[in-house]
Amino acid sequence: MKNIKNFSKPGFYSANIILIIFYLYPGSVPGCFLYNDCYIQPQITKNFIISSNHFYAFIIITSLGLFSFHKTKKINFLSIYLFLLSIILELFHIIIPNRRFEMTDLFGNIVGVILVMLVYKIVIRYVKT
């Protein structure tokens, strides 16, 4: 288990860097590679009330973070960091060319973080590890 944790922290940090690059790039990095058009955003699934792509991205990044820092004192800092990151990155879309701020994206980010945090808190409370 310790070997897996040795790989999970660099994975979490790398995923953070990739997420930030994708968010701050004035266009769509996946669209550039998949469709040869940086203005097309690939859609994983249809959006429901919130943006599904953003929801999935923050579920993954939050899960990686919780797995990396499980049973450490940094878990509260991680929670605050991910929550603020989800808001700040979407607010940057106000000033980034070819990007736009959308409330559905912001809610997708926040719900992704909160959902994983809630599940984590429930599991920690009721499952003995």
C-alpha atoms as a PDB file:
ATOM      1  CA  MET A   1       0.000   0.000   0.000  1.00  0.00           C
ATOM      2  CA  LYS A   2       2.868   2.359   0.754  1.00  0.00           C
ATOM      3  CA  ASN A   3       4.254   1.865  -2.777  1.00  0.00           C
ATOM      4  CA  ILE A   4       0.926   2.895  -4.249  1.00  0.00           C
ATOM      5  CA  LYS A   5       0.907   6.053  -2.113  1.00  0.00           C
ATOM      6  CA  ASN A   6       4.407   6.876  -3.382  1.00  0.00           C
ATOM      7  CA  PHE A   7       2.958   6.988  -6.899  1.00  0.00           C
ATOM      8  CA  SER A   8      -0.344   8.632  -6.014  1.00  0.00           C
ATOM      9  CA  LYS A   9       1.109  11.961  -4.832  1.00  0.00           C
ATOM     10  CA  PRO A  10       3.088  12.604  -8.045  1.00  0.00           C
ATOM     11  CA  GLY A  11      -0.025  11.495  -9.944  1.00  0.00           C
ATOM     12  CA  PHE A  12      -2.158  13.982  -8.023  1.00  0.00           C
ATOM     13  CA  TYR A  13       0.330  16.801  -8.585  1.00  0.00           C
ATOM     14  CA  SER A  14       0.605  15.947 -12.289  1.00  0.00           C
ATOM     15  CA  ALA A  15      -3.178  15.803 -12.637  1.00  0.00           C
ATOM     16  CA  ASN A  16      -3.389  19.255 -11.012  1.00  0.00           C
ATOM     17  CA  ILE A  17      -0.932  20.714 -13.508  1.00  0.00           C
ATOM     18  CA  ILE A  18      -2.757  19.126 -16.445  1.00  0.00           C
ATOM     19  CA  LEU A  19      -6.127  20.348 -15.143  1.00  0.00           C
ATOM     20  CA  ILE A  20      -4.827  23.891 -14.732  1.00  0.00           C
ATOM     21  CA  ILE A  21      -3.309  23.884 -18.242  1.00  0.00           C
ATOM     22  CA  PHE A  22      -6.570  22.595 -19.758  1.00  0.00           C
ATOM     23  CA  TYR A  23      -8.579  25.216 -17.873  1.00  0.00           C
ATOM     24  CA  LEU A  24      -6.352  28.165 -18.698  1.00  0.00           C
ATOM     25  CA  TYR A  25      -5.683  27.314 -22.357  1.00  0.00           C
ATOM     26  CA  PRO A  26      -7.665  29.693 -24.620  1.00  0.00           C
ATOM     27  CA  GLY A  27      -9.509  26.940 -26.437  1.00  0.00           C
ATOM     28  CA  SER A  28      -9.901  23.202 -26.078  1.00  0.00           C
ATOM     29  CA  VAL A  29      -6.732  21.110 -25.756  1.00  0.00           C
ATOM     30  CA  PRO A  30      -8.644  17.824 -26.299  1.00  0.00           C
ATOM     31  CA  GLY A  31     -10.427  19.382 -29.285  1.00  0.00           C
ATOM     32  CA  CYS A  32      -7.076  20.322 -30.829  1.00  0.00           C
ATOM     33  CA  PHE A  33      -5.904  16.708 -30.676  1.00  0.00           C
ATOM     34  CA  LEU A  34      -9.149  14.829 -31.351  1.00  0.00           C
ATOM     35  CA  TYR A  35     -10.804  17.051 -33.969  1.00  0.00           C
ATOM     36  CA  ASN A  36      -7.859  19.164 -35.151  1.00  0.00           C
ATOM     37  CA  ASP A  37      -9.978  22.145 -34.096  1.00  0.00           C
ATOM     38  CA  CYS A  38      -9.237  23.987 -30.852  1.00  0.00           C
ATOM     39  CA  TYR A  39     -12.737  25.472 -30.716  1.00  0.00           C
ATOM     40  CA  ILE A  40     -14.592  22.162 -30.413  1.00  0.00           C
ATOM     41  CA  GLN A  41     -14.983  20.814 -26.889  1.00  0.00           C
ATOM     42  CA  PRO A  42     -15.437  17.013 -26.732  1.00  0.00           C
ATOM     43  CA  GLN A  43     -18.376  16.001 -24.577  1.00  0.00           C
ATOM     44  CA  ILE A  44     -18.043  12.825 -22.468  1.00  0.00           C
ATOM     45  CA  THR A  45     -21.771  12.577 -21.724  1.00  0.00           C
ATOM     46  CA  LYS A  46     -24.727  14.905 -22.142  1.00  0.00           C
ATOM     47  CA  ASN A  47     -24.913  17.685 -19.615  1.00  0.00           C
ATOM     48  CA  PHE A  48     -27.500  17.412 -16.916  1.00  0.00           C
ATOM     49  CA  ILE A  49     -28.244  20.378 -14.667  1.00  0.00           C
ATOM     50  CA  ILE A  50     -24.485  20.785 -14.281  1.00  0.00           C
ATOM     51  CA  SER A  51     -21.618  20.403 -16.764  1.00  0.00           C
ATOM     52  CA  SER A  52     -20.767  16.709 -16.932  1.00  0.00           C
ATOM     53  CA  ASN A  53     -17.178  17.220 -18.168  1.00  0.00           C
ATOM     54  CA  HIS A  54     -16.382  19.523 -15.265  1.00  0.00           C
ATOM     55  CA  PHE A  55     -18.147  17.230 -12.811  1.00  0.00           C
ATOM     56  CA  TYR A  56     -16.080  14.218 -13.941  1.00  0.00           C
ATOM     57  CA  ALA A  57     -12.820  16.179 -13.929  1.00  0.00           C
ATOM     58  CA  PHE A  58     -13.295  17.289 -10.337  1.00  0.00           C
ATOM     59  CA  ILE A  59     -14.455  13.854  -9.203  1.00  0.00           C
ATOM     60  CA  ILE A  60     -11.191  12.441 -10.547  1.00  0.00           C
ATOM     61  CA  ILE A  61      -8.914  15.159  -9.142  1.00  0.00           C
ATOM     62  CA  THR A  62     -10.624  15.088  -5.730  1.00  0.00           C
ATOM     63  CA  SER A  63     -10.466  11.298  -5.569  1.00  0.00           C
ATOM     64  CA  LEU A  64      -6.769  11.347  -6.437  1.00  0.00           C
ATOM     65  CA  GLY A  65      -6.160  13.970  -3.763  1.00  0.00           C
ATOM     66  CA  LEU A  66      -8.036  12.080  -1.080  1.00  0.00           C
ATOM     67  CA  PHE A  67      -6.271   8.843  -1.938  1.00  0.00           C
ATOM     68  CA  SER A  68      -2.903  10.628  -1.833  1.00  0.00           C
ATOM     69  CA  PHE A  69      -3.455  12.372   1.494  1.00  0.00           C
ATOM     70  CA  HIS A  70      -5.672   9.837   3.284  1.00  0.00           C
ATOM     71  CA  LYS A  71      -4.814   9.617   6.989  1.00  0.00           C
ATOM     72  CA  THR A  72      -2.694  12.775   6.966  1.00  0.00           C
ATOM     73  CA  LYS A  73      -3.219  16.153   8.575  1.00  0.00           C
ATOM     74  CA  LYS A  74      -3.306  17.777   5.130  1.00  0.00           C
ATOM     75  CA  ILE A  75      -6.801  16.501   4.311  1.00  0.00           C
ATOM     76  CA  ASN A  76      -8.522  19.707   5.534  1.00  0.00           C
ATOM     77  CA  PHE A  77      -6.113  21.852   3.523  1.00  0.00           C
ATOM     78  CA  LEU A  78      -6.777  19.627   0.500  1.00  0.00           C
ATOM     79  CA  SER A  79     -10.535  20.136   0.871  1.00  0.00           C
ATOM     80  CA  ILE A  80     -10.180  23.915   0.940  1.00  0.00           C
ATOM     81  CA  TYR A  81      -7.654  23.876  -1.916  1.00  0.00           C
ATOM     82  CA  LEU A  82      -9.872  21.804  -4.214  1.00  0.00           C
ATOM     83  CA  PHE A  83     -12.991  23.822  -3.426  1.00  0.00           C
ATOM     84  CA  LEU A  84     -11.206  27.125  -4.119  1.00  0.00           C
ATOM     85  CA  LEU A  85      -9.505  25.685  -7.217  1.00  0.00           C
ATOM     86  CA  SER A  86     -12.888  24.673  -8.620  1.00  0.00           C
ATOM     87  CA  ILE A  87     -14.143  28.246  -8.256  1.00  0.00           C
ATOM     88  CA  ILE A  88     -11.021  30.180  -9.239  1.00  0.00           C
ATOM     89  CA  LEU A  89     -10.344  28.210 -12.414  1.00  0.00           C
ATOM     90  CA  GLU A  90     -13.864  28.819 -13.675  1.00  0.00           C
ATOM     91  CA  LEU A  91     -13.669  32.521 -12.786  1.00  0.00           C
ATOM     92  CA  PHE A  92     -10.544  32.806 -14.945  1.00  0.00           C
ATOM     93  CA  HIS A  93     -12.758  32.031 -17.951  1.00  0.00           C
ATOM     94  CA  ILE A  94     -14.096  35.572 -17.638  1.00  0.00           C
ATOM     95  CA  ILE A  95     -10.740  36.970 -18.823  1.00  0.00           C
ATOM     96  CA  ILE A  96      -9.333  34.142 -20.994  1.00  0.00           C
ATOM     97  CA  PRO A  97      -9.910  34.665 -24.741  1.00  0.00           C
ATOM     98  CA  ASN A  98     -12.143  32.075 -26.466  1.00  0.00           C
ATOM     99  CA  ARG A  99     -13.422  30.840 -23.102  1.00  0.00           C
ATOM    100  CA  ARG A 100     -16.497  31.931 -21.204  1.00  0.00           C
ATOM    101  CA  PHE A 101     -17.693  31.701 -17.649  1.00  0.00           C
ATOM    102  CA  GLU A 102     -20.728  29.451 -17.220  1.00  0.00           C
ATOM    103  CA  MET A 103     -22.625  28.782 -14.037  1.00  0.00           C
ATOM    104  CA  THR A 104     -23.275  25.158 -15.079  1.00  0.00           C
ATOM    105  CA  ASP A 105     -19.502  24.622 -15.320  1.00  0.00           C
ATOM    106  CA  LEU A 106     -18.953  26.219 -11.919  1.00  0.00           C
ATOM    107  CA  PHE A 107     -21.650  24.064 -10.338  1.00  0.00           C
ATOM    108  CA  GLY A 108     -20.197  20.973 -12.018  1.00  0.00           C
ATOM    109  CA  ASN A 109     -16.810  21.758 -10.460  1.00  0.00           C
ATOM    110  CA  ILE A 110     -18.199  22.395  -7.000  1.00  0.00           C
ATOM    111  CA  VAL A 111     -20.582  19.420  -6.981  1.00  0.00           C
ATOM    112  CA  GLY A 112     -17.743  17.114  -8.099  1.00  0.00           C
ATOM    113  CA  VAL A 113     -15.582  18.217  -5.159  1.00  0.00           C
ATOM    114  CA  ILE A 114     -18.372  18.181  -2.574  1.00  0.00           C
ATOM    115  CA  LEU A 115     -19.745  14.790  -3.634  1.00  0.00           C
ATOM    116  CA  VAL A 116     -16.396  13.032  -3.292  1.00  0.00           C
ATOM    117  CA  MET A 117     -15.690  14.794   0.011  1.00  0.00           C
ATOM    118  CA  LEU A 118     -19.077  13.717   1.409  1.00  0.00           C
ATOM    119  CA  VAL A 119     -18.580  10.112   0.353  1.00  0.00           C
ATOM    120  CA  TYR A 120     -15.091  10.188   1.878  1.00  0.00           C
ATOM    121  CA  LYS A 121     -16.402  11.571   5.193  1.00  0.00           C
ATOM    122  CA  ILE A 122     -19.165   8.948   5.318  1.00  0.00           C
ATOM    123  CA  VAL A 123     -16.771   6.098   4.559  1.00  0.00           C
ATOM    124  CA  ILE A 124     -14.225   7.332   7.126  1.00  0.00           C
ATOM    125  CA  ARG A 125     -16.936   7.643   9.770  1.00  0.00           C
ATOM    126  CA  TYR A 126     -18.696   4.325   9.270  1.00  0.00           C
ATOM    127  CA  VAL A 127     -16.054   2.016   7.826  1.00  0.00           C
ATOM    128  CA  LYS A 128     -13.203   0.995  10.053  1.00  0.00           C
ATOM    129  CA  THR A 129      -9.876   1.155   8.151  1.00  0.00           C
END
